[in-house]
Every structure is written in structure tokens, then in C-alpha cells.
Amino acid sequence: MPAVLRVVGPRGSGKTLLIVSLVEALRWRGYRVATAVRRDAIESTLLDADADADADADADAARQLDAGAAATVIVLSGGGRVTLERTMALPGLRSVVASVDPSVDLLLAEAFEDPGYPAVELSPPGSRGLTTPRDDLFAVVASEEIAGSFATFGPGETNGLADLVERELLAAAPDVELQFTVDEQPVETLGFVLDMIARPVLTMVEQLKGVGLRRSLRIRIRCRRGD
């Protein structure tokens, strides 16, 4: 069975953003990652009539389901369709994990509150405190931090969270390590830098004639500036 990591936090705190970044970072490292989201989390986004003044269609769908309709099909502007049903019971996370392809390394579960599984909690500005029990709390991520990293670097930058997941949940040591110095001063390298610099450079060097696989590689670049 795959390792499981829940991603929790209030609505709009950046749960999906964090999951997208984790999937991208771990995919770069060769892991297979699956995701799951509770249907009621999707419904709260699609059907919250109070969320936007112009959400007339969402409000209509919510009223239809509340009236007892077995299912409501929401047709999206791009031609896609979302079918929501009230008659099906929400499965627990345990049954979701059991249904995942066994070749998957990690399942990221958004908005599941099932105890006993490690959780990353998103903390937005003004948050009144954490809601995850201490025994289940794997990490806390500031919402503005992950949003800023996503805006600057795109998906894949998790400010070290992917490294922690790899080490603690996937029980794997990083296959590549990077020591980075600028003007003889060490610079901290988080997972995104490792993925974007160390692995591609190592792959290119290994393709050079007569080099092959190497245990270590040292590159020194000196810049000459004009007067």
C-alpha cells in the first residue's frame, strides 16, 4: 500500500496548490503519486451559493440537491461535466487507500479528516490555531509561503517539504546531494534547486564521452567582470 499524507486547512488556504507542487516535485524524483479529494470539498467549492454574488448556476445546483435530486450534472463552459450525487456515502480514507494502484508510492489526500494518518496543515494569515491533533501533525505550511513560491517558481517548489516527505514517509535517502557555494559561501539548496540544477547537470555530464556514471561531480564557475 502507498504511504499516505493528508493535506488539510480551511477553505482557500492553498491545499490544492500545495498538492500540485508536491506532485511535481516528487514526480521529478521518480515517485508515483496519486491524489484524492473528498467530494464534499469539491461541492463546497462548486455549490457554495454564498461564495460569489454571480454564482447563480452553483446556487441552483445546490438547491436542486438539497431538494432531494438523486444527482445534478453541472456542465462547464469548456464542455466538461461534473456529476454530483447525494445518495452515495462518502468513503473513509482507509477504503480509498485500499483502492489505489499498489504501484503508487504516495497518496496525497485533500480535506480528509480521518485520524491516524499524518497531515500537513495549511495555516493562512490570521489563523486561530491548528486543528490537527499533535500525533497526526506532520508539518505546518504557511499559506502565503506556498503561494509565493508557486507564483515565483511555479509548481515543484515546496520549501523543503518534498525532502521531508521523501525522508520520513518514503523512507528514502535523496539520490543526489548538492553543495552550492557563491564566493566561497555556502548557499542553502532546497528541493526545487536540487531538481532543477543537480539532476539535469549530472545527467548531461554522464552523456559525455568517456565519463559514464560517477559518484561525485565538482563544477567551478568563475565570473570575470569588466571595470
Protein backbone atom coordinates (compact mmCIF):
# COMPACT_ATOMS: atom_id res chain seq x y z
CA MET A 1 0.00 0.00 0.00
CA PRO A 2 1.17 3.55 -0.62
CA ALA A 3 2.28 5.96 2.06
CA VAL A 4 -0.47 8.47 2.89
CA LEU A 5 -0.26 12.18 3.61
CA ARG A 6 -3.34 14.25 4.33
CA VAL A 7 -3.39 17.92 3.34
CA VAL A 8 -5.79 19.91 5.50
CA GLY A 9 -6.68 23.51 6.18
CA PRO A 10 -9.53 25.99 5.86
CA ARG A 11 -11.09 26.76 2.53
CA GLY A 12 -8.85 28.91 0.34
CA SER A 13 -5.72 28.17 2.37
CA GLY A 14 -3.84 26.63 -0.59
CA LYS A 15 -4.36 22.89 -0.14
CA THR A 16 -4.66 22.17 -3.87
CA LEU A 17 -1.72 24.46 -4.63
CA LEU A 18 0.47 22.55 -2.19
CA ILE A 19 -0.63 19.19 -3.58
CA VAL A 20 0.18 20.29 -7.14
CA SER A 21 3.65 21.41 -6.03
CA LEU A 22 4.31 18.18 -4.12
CA VAL A 23 3.19 16.03 -7.05
CA GLU A 24 5.52 17.91 -9.39
CA ALA A 25 8.49 17.81 -7.00
CA LEU A 26 8.14 14.09 -6.28
CA ARG A 27 7.47 13.22 -9.92
CA TRP A 28 10.82 14.78 -10.78
CA ARG A 29 12.39 12.35 -8.31
CA GLY A 30 10.81 9.30 -9.90
CA TYR A 31 7.95 8.67 -7.47
CA ARG A 32 4.40 7.78 -8.48
CA VAL A 33 1.95 9.98 -6.60
CA ALA A 34 -1.84 9.65 -6.51
CA THR A 35 -4.27 12.21 -5.14
CA ALA A 36 -7.71 12.01 -3.55
CA VAL A 37 -10.15 14.72 -2.55
CA ARG A 38 -13.36 14.41 -0.59
CA ARG A 39 -16.42 15.02 -2.71
CA ASP A 40 -17.86 17.43 -0.17
CA ALA A 41 -14.71 19.55 -0.56
CA ILE A 42 -15.47 19.84 -4.27
CA GLU A 43 -19.12 20.55 -3.54
CA SER A 44 -18.24 23.34 -1.14
CA THR A 45 -16.34 25.00 -3.99
CA LEU A 46 -18.87 24.36 -6.73
CA LEU A 47 -22.07 24.76 -4.76
CA ASP A 48 -21.46 27.43 -2.13
CA ALA A 49 -24.15 29.92 -3.01
CA ASP A 50 -22.69 32.46 -0.60
CA ALA A 51 -19.19 32.41 -2.12
CA ASP A 52 -19.83 34.69 -5.09
CA ALA A 53 -22.67 37.02 -5.97
CA ASP A 54 -22.60 35.80 -9.60
CA ALA A 55 -22.70 32.09 -8.72
CA ASP A 56 -26.34 31.69 -9.82
CA ALA A 57 -25.76 28.34 -11.51
CA ASP A 58 -23.97 26.98 -8.44
CA ALA A 59 -26.80 28.16 -6.21
CA ASP A 60 -29.33 26.44 -8.47
CA ALA A 61 -27.39 23.16 -8.30
CA ALA A 62 -27.19 23.41 -4.53
CA ARG A 63 -30.94 23.97 -4.25
CA GLN A 64 -31.66 21.02 -6.56
CA LEU A 65 -29.52 18.66 -4.49
CA ASP A 66 -30.99 19.94 -1.25
CA ALA A 67 -34.45 19.30 -2.64
CA GLY A 68 -33.62 15.61 -2.95
CA ALA A 69 -32.41 15.19 -6.54
CA ALA A 70 -30.53 11.91 -6.93
CA ALA A 71 -27.86 13.66 -9.00
CA THR A 72 -27.10 17.01 -10.59
CA VAL A 73 -24.91 17.39 -13.67
CA ILE A 74 -23.00 20.69 -13.88
CA VAL A 75 -21.96 21.47 -17.46
CA LEU A 76 -18.80 23.56 -17.55
CA SER A 77 -18.07 26.29 -20.08
CA GLY A 78 -15.35 24.17 -21.70
CA GLY A 79 -17.77 21.31 -22.33
CA GLY A 80 -16.75 19.21 -19.32
CA ARG A 81 -19.29 17.82 -16.90
CA VAL A 82 -19.29 17.27 -13.14
CA THR A 83 -21.88 14.89 -11.69
CA LEU A 84 -22.72 15.31 -8.01
CA GLU A 85 -24.75 12.77 -6.07
CA ARG A 86 -26.21 12.93 -2.60
CA THR A 87 -27.18 9.27 -2.33
CA MET A 88 -23.67 7.81 -2.14
CA ALA A 89 -21.98 7.62 1.24
CA LEU A 90 -18.57 9.24 1.49
CA PRO A 91 -15.88 6.55 1.83
CA GLY A 92 -13.32 6.71 4.59
CA LEU A 93 -9.69 7.26 3.76
CA ARG A 94 -8.84 3.64 4.57
CA SER A 95 -11.09 2.35 1.78
CA VAL A 96 -9.68 4.95 -0.62
CA VAL A 97 -6.14 3.79 0.14
CA ALA A 98 -7.15 0.17 -0.44
CA SER A 99 -8.46 1.03 -3.91
CA VAL A 100 -5.27 2.78 -5.09
CA ASP A 101 -2.94 1.07 -7.55
CA PRO A 102 -0.34 -0.73 -5.38
CA SER A 103 2.47 0.58 -7.58
CA VAL A 104 1.75 4.12 -6.30
CA ASP A 105 4.33 5.35 -3.79
CA LEU A 106 2.32 8.11 -2.09
CA LEU A 107 -1.32 9.15 -1.81
CA LEU A 108 -1.99 12.83 -1.12
CA ALA A 109 -5.46 13.15 0.38
CA GLU A 110 -7.06 16.60 0.42
CA ALA A 111 -9.56 17.53 3.14
CA PHE A 112 -9.81 14.06 4.68
CA GLU A 113 -10.05 14.30 8.47
CA ASP A 114 -9.57 10.60 9.25
CA PRO A 115 -7.30 10.30 12.31
CA GLY A 116 -4.26 8.07 12.31
CA TYR A 117 -2.77 9.42 9.08
CA PRO A 118 -0.04 12.10 9.00
CA ALA A 119 -1.25 15.52 7.92
CA VAL A 120 0.20 18.74 6.59
CA GLU A 121 -1.88 21.67 7.80
CA LEU A 122 -2.05 24.92 5.86
CA SER A 123 -2.05 27.99 8.10
CA PRO A 124 -3.44 31.16 6.47
CA PRO A 125 -2.84 34.66 7.85
CA GLY A 126 -4.99 35.34 10.89
CA SER A 127 -5.50 31.66 11.62
CA ARG A 128 -6.73 30.97 15.15
CA GLY A 129 -4.54 27.94 15.63
CA LEU A 130 -4.01 24.42 14.35
CA THR A 131 -6.80 21.85 14.27
CA THR A 132 -4.78 18.69 13.58
CA PRO A 133 -4.02 16.55 16.67
CA ARG A 134 -0.36 16.59 17.60
CA ASP A 135 0.07 12.84 16.97
CA ASP A 136 -1.03 13.28 13.35
CA LEU A 137 0.67 16.60 12.61
CA PHE A 138 3.45 16.04 10.08
CA ALA A 139 4.19 19.65 9.15
CA VAL A 140 2.70 23.14 9.13
CA VAL A 141 2.92 25.27 5.98
CA ALA A 142 2.14 29.00 5.86
CA SER A 143 -0.37 29.66 3.09
CA GLU A 144 1.35 32.81 1.88
CA GLU A 145 4.68 30.97 1.72
CA ILE A 146 3.47 28.25 -0.65
CA ALA A 147 1.51 30.80 -2.71
CA GLY A 148 4.60 33.00 -3.05
CA SER A 149 6.81 30.08 -4.06
CA PHE A 150 4.25 28.92 -6.62
CA ALA A 151 3.99 32.41 -8.11
CA THR A 152 7.79 32.79 -8.29
CA PHE A 153 8.97 29.33 -9.31
CA GLY A 154 5.82 27.54 -10.48
CA PRO A 155 4.86 24.03 -9.34
CA GLY A 156 7.64 21.99 -7.78
CA GLU A 157 8.96 24.35 -5.11
CA THR A 158 7.80 23.14 -1.70
CA ASN A 159 10.37 24.88 0.53
CA GLY A 160 11.83 21.59 1.73
CA LEU A 161 8.54 19.74 2.30
CA ALA A 162 9.24 17.28 -0.53
CA ASP A 163 12.59 16.47 1.09
CA LEU A 164 10.84 15.78 4.41
CA VAL A 165 8.22 13.58 2.72
CA GLU A 166 10.90 11.63 0.90
CA ARG A 167 12.92 11.10 4.05
CA GLU A 168 10.17 10.43 6.60
CA LEU A 169 7.30 8.87 4.63
CA LEU A 170 9.01 7.25 1.66
CA ALA A 171 11.98 6.12 3.75
CA ALA A 172 14.40 7.02 1.01
CA ALA A 173 17.62 8.96 1.06
CA PRO A 174 17.92 11.56 -1.71
CA ASP A 175 19.67 10.03 -4.72
CA VAL A 176 21.51 13.28 -5.44
CA GLU A 177 23.05 15.74 -2.99
CA LEU A 178 24.13 19.28 -3.87
CA GLN A 179 26.63 21.54 -2.12
CA PHE A 180 26.34 25.04 -3.57
CA THR A 181 28.68 27.94 -2.80
CA VAL A 182 28.79 31.51 -4.08
CA ASP A 183 32.01 33.46 -3.44
CA GLU A 184 33.11 30.62 -1.16
CA GLN A 185 29.98 31.00 0.97
CA PRO A 186 27.58 28.02 1.23
CA VAL A 187 24.06 28.58 -0.06
CA GLU A 188 21.11 26.56 1.18
CA THR A 189 19.66 24.38 -1.58
CA LEU A 190 16.09 23.19 -1.16
CA GLY A 191 14.40 20.51 -3.21
CA PHE A 192 13.49 22.75 -6.14
CA VAL A 193 17.10 23.83 -6.70
CA LEU A 194 18.25 20.23 -6.43
CA ASP A 195 15.72 19.11 -9.02
CA MET A 196 16.38 21.95 -11.45
CA ILE A 197 20.19 22.09 -11.22
CA ALA A 198 21.83 18.97 -9.80
CA ARG A 199 19.92 16.22 -11.56
CA PRO A 200 19.88 17.77 -15.07
CA VAL A 201 23.59 18.68 -14.88
CA LEU A 202 24.51 15.19 -13.65
CA THR A 203 22.51 13.62 -16.47
CA MET A 204 24.21 15.81 -19.10
CA VAL A 205 27.68 15.08 -17.74
CA GLU A 206 27.03 11.33 -17.78
CA GLN A 207 26.34 11.59 -21.51
CA LEU A 208 29.83 12.96 -22.21
CA LYS A 209 32.11 10.54 -23.98
CA GLY A 210 34.27 8.56 -21.58
CA VAL A 211 32.56 9.83 -18.41
CA GLY A 212 29.76 7.39 -17.57
CA LEU A 213 28.34 7.13 -14.06
CA ARG A 214 30.23 8.96 -11.33
CA ARG A 215 29.85 9.10 -7.56
CA SER A 216 30.69 12.79 -7.35
CA LEU A 217 31.00 15.79 -9.60
CA ARG A 218 32.59 19.18 -8.95
CA ILE A 219 31.96 22.17 -11.19
CA ARG A 220 33.59 25.54 -10.58
CA ILE A 221 32.42 28.60 -12.50
CA ARG A 222 34.34 31.87 -12.26
CA CYS A 223 32.87 35.14 -13.47
CA ARG A 224 35.08 37.93 -14.78
CA ARG A 225 33.57 41.36 -14.57
CA GLY A 226 34.78 44.33 -16.58
CA ASP A 227 35.92 47.53 -14.89
